[in-house]
Protein backbone atom coordinates (compact mmCIF):
# COMPACT_ATOMS: atom_id res chain seq x y z
CA MET A 1 43.06 -90.56 130.87
CA SER A 2 40.58 -93.36 130.35
CA ALA A 3 37.00 -93.35 131.54
CA LEU A 4 37.51 -97.07 132.13
CA MET A 5 39.77 -96.33 135.10
CA LYS A 6 38.57 -98.43 138.04
CA LEU A 7 36.76 -96.66 140.87
CA LYS A 8 39.41 -97.75 143.40
CA THR A 9 42.17 -96.44 141.14
CA LEU A 10 40.42 -93.08 140.83
CA GLU A 11 39.95 -92.87 144.60
CA GLY A 12 43.64 -93.69 145.05
CA HIS A 13 44.65 -90.81 142.76
CA LEU A 14 42.34 -88.39 144.60
CA GLN A 15 43.71 -89.47 147.99
CA GLU A 16 47.14 -88.26 146.90
CA LEU A 17 45.96 -84.70 146.25
CA SER A 18 46.77 -81.95 148.76
CA GLY A 19 43.88 -80.25 150.59
CA PHE A 20 43.38 -76.79 152.10
CA THR A 21 46.38 -75.37 153.92
CA LYS A 22 44.39 -72.49 155.45
CA PRO A 23 40.66 -73.34 155.36
CA LYS A 24 38.45 -70.25 155.70
CA ILE A 25 35.23 -70.55 157.67
CA LYS A 26 33.54 -67.65 155.86
CA LEU A 27 33.97 -69.58 152.59
CA GLU A 28 32.81 -72.80 154.28
CA GLN A 29 35.93 -74.58 153.08
CA TYR A 30 35.81 -78.29 153.84
CA GLU A 31 37.57 -81.08 152.05
CA THR A 32 35.43 -83.17 149.70
CA PRO A 33 36.45 -86.68 150.85
CA PRO A 34 38.16 -88.68 148.07
CA HIS A 35 35.61 -91.50 148.49
CA ILE A 36 32.64 -89.16 147.91
CA ALA A 37 34.37 -87.34 145.03
CA SER A 38 35.32 -90.59 143.27
CA VAL A 39 31.86 -92.20 143.65
CA ALA A 40 30.16 -88.98 142.47
CA LEU A 41 32.41 -88.62 139.42
CA TYR A 42 32.23 -92.31 138.56
CA THR A 43 28.42 -92.14 138.70
CA MET A 44 28.41 -89.11 136.37
CA GLN A 45 30.55 -90.89 133.81
CA THR A 46 29.27 -94.47 133.94
CA GLN A 47 25.56 -93.58 134.12
CA TYR A 48 25.41 -90.40 132.04
CA GLU A 49 28.69 -90.14 130.06
CA ALA A 50 28.99 -86.64 131.48
CA LEU A 51 32.79 -86.34 131.66
CA GLU A 52 34.68 -88.11 128.89
CA ASN A 53 35.46 -85.68 126.03
CA ARG A 54 33.20 -83.06 127.67
CA LEU A 55 33.81 -79.41 128.52
CA VAL A 56 33.62 -79.43 132.32
CA LEU A 57 33.37 -76.54 134.80
CA ASP A 58 34.40 -77.14 138.43
CA ALA A 59 32.54 -74.30 140.20
CA GLY A 60 33.96 -73.18 143.54
CA CYS A 61 36.69 -75.71 142.90
CA GLY A 62 38.70 -75.27 146.11
CA THR A 63 41.83 -77.41 145.78
CA GLY A 64 40.40 -79.12 142.71
CA ILE A 65 39.43 -82.66 143.66
CA LEU A 66 36.33 -82.73 141.41
CA GLY A 67 37.97 -81.01 138.44
CA LEU A 68 41.09 -83.16 138.57
CA GLY A 69 38.95 -86.28 139.06
CA ALA A 70 36.98 -85.33 135.94
CA ALA A 71 40.26 -85.02 134.05
CA PHE A 72 41.32 -88.49 135.27
CA LEU A 73 38.05 -89.82 133.82
CA GLY A 74 38.78 -88.38 130.39
CA ALA A 75 37.26 -84.87 130.37
CA GLY A 76 38.02 -83.00 127.17
CA PHE A 77 38.86 -79.82 129.07
CA VAL A 78 38.26 -78.61 132.63
CA THR A 79 37.85 -75.01 133.79
CA ALA A 80 38.25 -74.62 137.56
CA VAL A 81 37.09 -71.39 139.24
CA ASP A 82 37.33 -70.23 142.84
CA ILE A 83 37.45 -66.96 144.76
CA ASP A 84 40.28 -68.03 147.09
CA GLU A 85 43.91 -67.50 146.09
CA ASP A 86 45.27 -69.89 148.74
CA ALA A 87 43.07 -72.76 147.55
CA LEU A 88 44.06 -72.14 143.94
CA GLU A 89 47.76 -72.22 144.86
CA VAL A 90 47.21 -75.73 146.26
CA LEU A 91 45.26 -76.67 143.11
CA LYS A 92 48.18 -75.54 140.94
CA GLU A 93 50.52 -77.74 142.99
CA ASN A 94 48.09 -80.65 142.53
CA ILE A 95 48.08 -80.02 138.78
CA ASP A 96 51.89 -80.07 138.73
CA ASP A 97 51.96 -83.28 140.78
CA THR A 98 49.43 -85.10 138.59
CA GLU A 99 50.86 -83.70 135.33
CA ILE A 100 47.33 -83.06 134.07
CA THR A 101 47.49 -80.49 131.28
CA ASN A 102 43.89 -80.01 130.13
CA ILE A 103 42.76 -77.82 133.04
CA ASP A 104 42.53 -74.04 133.27
CA VAL A 105 42.48 -72.29 136.68
CA ILE A 106 40.66 -68.95 137.04
CA LYS A 107 40.41 -66.80 140.19
CA THR A 108 36.96 -65.25 140.22
CA ASP A 109 33.80 -65.00 142.31
CA PHE A 110 31.64 -67.64 140.64
CA LEU A 111 28.43 -65.91 141.76
CA ASP A 112 29.23 -62.25 141.12
CA CYS A 113 31.63 -62.16 138.23
CA ASP A 114 30.69 -61.18 134.71
CA ILE A 115 30.86 -64.61 133.08
CA TYR A 116 27.92 -64.24 130.71
CA ARG A 117 30.25 -65.24 127.87
CA TRP A 118 30.11 -68.74 129.35
CA GLU A 119 26.31 -68.93 129.26
CA ASN A 120 25.26 -72.43 128.15
CA TYR A 121 28.95 -73.05 127.34
CA PHE A 122 29.88 -76.07 129.44
CA ASP A 123 28.57 -79.58 128.83
CA THR A 124 28.87 -80.46 132.50
CA VAL A 125 29.11 -78.34 135.65
CA VAL A 126 30.31 -80.11 138.82
CA MET A 127 30.25 -78.59 142.28
CA ASN A 128 30.30 -79.17 145.99
CA PRO A 129 28.89 -75.76 146.93
CA PRO A 130 28.91 -74.23 150.41
CA PHE A 131 26.05 -75.82 152.35
CA GLY A 132 24.70 -72.38 153.21
CA THR A 133 25.15 -72.44 156.97
CA LYS A 134 26.09 -69.57 159.30
CA HIS A 135 26.30 -66.34 157.28
CA ASN A 136 25.80 -67.85 153.83
CA ALA A 137 22.11 -68.83 153.88
CA GLY A 138 20.87 -69.64 150.39
CA ILE A 139 24.31 -69.69 148.76
CA ASP A 140 23.90 -73.35 147.74
CA MET A 141 20.83 -72.42 145.64
CA LYS A 142 22.69 -69.48 144.08
CA PHE A 143 25.45 -71.87 143.03
CA LEU A 144 22.92 -74.23 141.49
CA GLN A 145 21.21 -71.43 139.54
CA LYS A 146 24.50 -70.09 138.19
CA GLY A 147 25.57 -73.62 137.25
CA LEU A 148 22.37 -74.05 135.25
CA ASN A 149 23.04 -70.75 133.45
CA LEU A 150 26.49 -71.87 132.39
CA SER A 151 25.61 -75.45 131.43
CA CYS A 152 24.14 -76.50 128.10
CA CYS A 153 23.48 -80.01 129.36
CA SER A 154 23.72 -80.94 133.06
CA VAL A 155 24.77 -79.84 136.54
CA TYR A 156 25.97 -82.29 139.21
CA SER A 157 25.99 -80.96 142.75
CA LEU A 158 26.43 -82.29 146.30
CA HIS A 159 23.94 -81.15 148.98
CA LYS A 160 22.94 -82.18 152.47
CA SER A 161 20.10 -84.69 152.26
CA SER A 162 18.17 -82.57 154.75
CA THR A 163 17.73 -79.93 152.00
CA ARG A 164 16.18 -82.40 149.53
CA SER A 165 12.59 -81.14 149.69
CA HIS A 166 13.79 -77.52 149.45
CA ILE A 167 15.78 -78.30 146.29
CA GLN A 168 12.81 -80.17 144.81
CA LYS A 169 10.68 -77.05 145.36
CA LYS A 170 13.34 -74.78 143.82
CA ILE A 171 13.85 -76.81 140.66
CA LYS A 172 10.09 -76.84 140.12
CA GLU A 173 10.16 -73.02 140.42
CA TRP A 174 13.03 -72.82 137.94
CA GLY A 175 11.33 -75.13 135.44
CA VAL A 176 14.22 -77.60 135.24
CA THR A 177 14.43 -81.35 135.79
CA GLY A 178 16.38 -82.77 138.69
CA SER A 179 16.83 -85.97 140.65
CA VAL A 180 19.07 -87.48 143.32
CA ILE A 181 21.33 -89.98 141.57
CA ALA A 182 23.39 -91.11 144.59
CA GLU A 183 23.04 -91.00 148.37
CA LEU A 184 26.37 -90.71 150.17
CA ARG A 185 27.75 -90.37 153.69
CA TYR A 186 30.05 -87.40 154.26
CA ASN A 187 32.38 -87.88 157.21
CA LEU A 188 33.09 -84.24 158.04
CA ALA A 189 36.35 -83.98 159.96
CA ALA A 190 36.70 -81.33 162.67
CA THR A 191 38.24 -78.48 160.64
CA TYR A 192 37.62 -75.38 162.73
CA LYS A 193 38.01 -74.50 166.42
CA PHE A 194 34.26 -74.30 167.05
CA HIS A 195 33.80 -77.95 166.06
CA LYS A 196 33.12 -79.93 169.24
CA GLN A 197 33.22 -83.42 167.71
CA GLN A 198 36.21 -84.97 165.97
CA SER A 199 34.00 -85.78 162.99
CA ARG A 200 30.35 -85.75 162.00
CA ASP A 201 28.57 -88.12 159.68
CA ILE A 202 26.34 -86.17 157.29
CA ALA A 203 23.98 -87.65 154.69
CA VAL A 204 24.66 -86.09 151.29
CA ASP A 205 22.76 -86.25 147.99
CA LEU A 206 24.35 -86.10 144.55
CA TRP A 207 21.89 -84.18 142.37
CA ARG A 208 21.69 -84.15 138.59
CA LEU A 209 19.90 -81.14 137.09
CA THR A 210 19.11 -80.74 133.41
CA HIS A 211 17.35 -78.06 131.38
């Protein structure tokens, strides 16, 4: 796959992927919209050459939109990890449908598993972590920290813009460099019964963190 693929072409490919069949609220499973995923990935590649020929980890991959998008943009190899069997089954179908071969799917708890062998292993870690609402307070920061442990170069992560000052404080604590490289609008469709509105428009930051 060529990194020169047009943004619209990439978004078109991502729109054809299947999403969650049984989204789980405790895992905060929401679709990453194809528009956001394609703009985020395109920014990573065109501004920082973070995907083409790189070892990429898609952390908490869900149904794989970021990992597969990275493969479309020329990633050398993608490792996709998630705790949820149902999501990974959909990802495997997406892999079959796209005929992408340079992706490995692993069922594991990204935060708790013994993956020290991957320390500083990946060039690029991409993630759209749980936002840390309800019962998962702080999980977004745990994802970021683990991503930094496993990356030898950079971590790209999507977070609500309302958490920007909190993330700035955290990265200062951790002694790493980070900046918002894109500001996006996340149209969150009503996914669960408790959602009162059909959709909500949420401001989202794409962060780039480096050691």
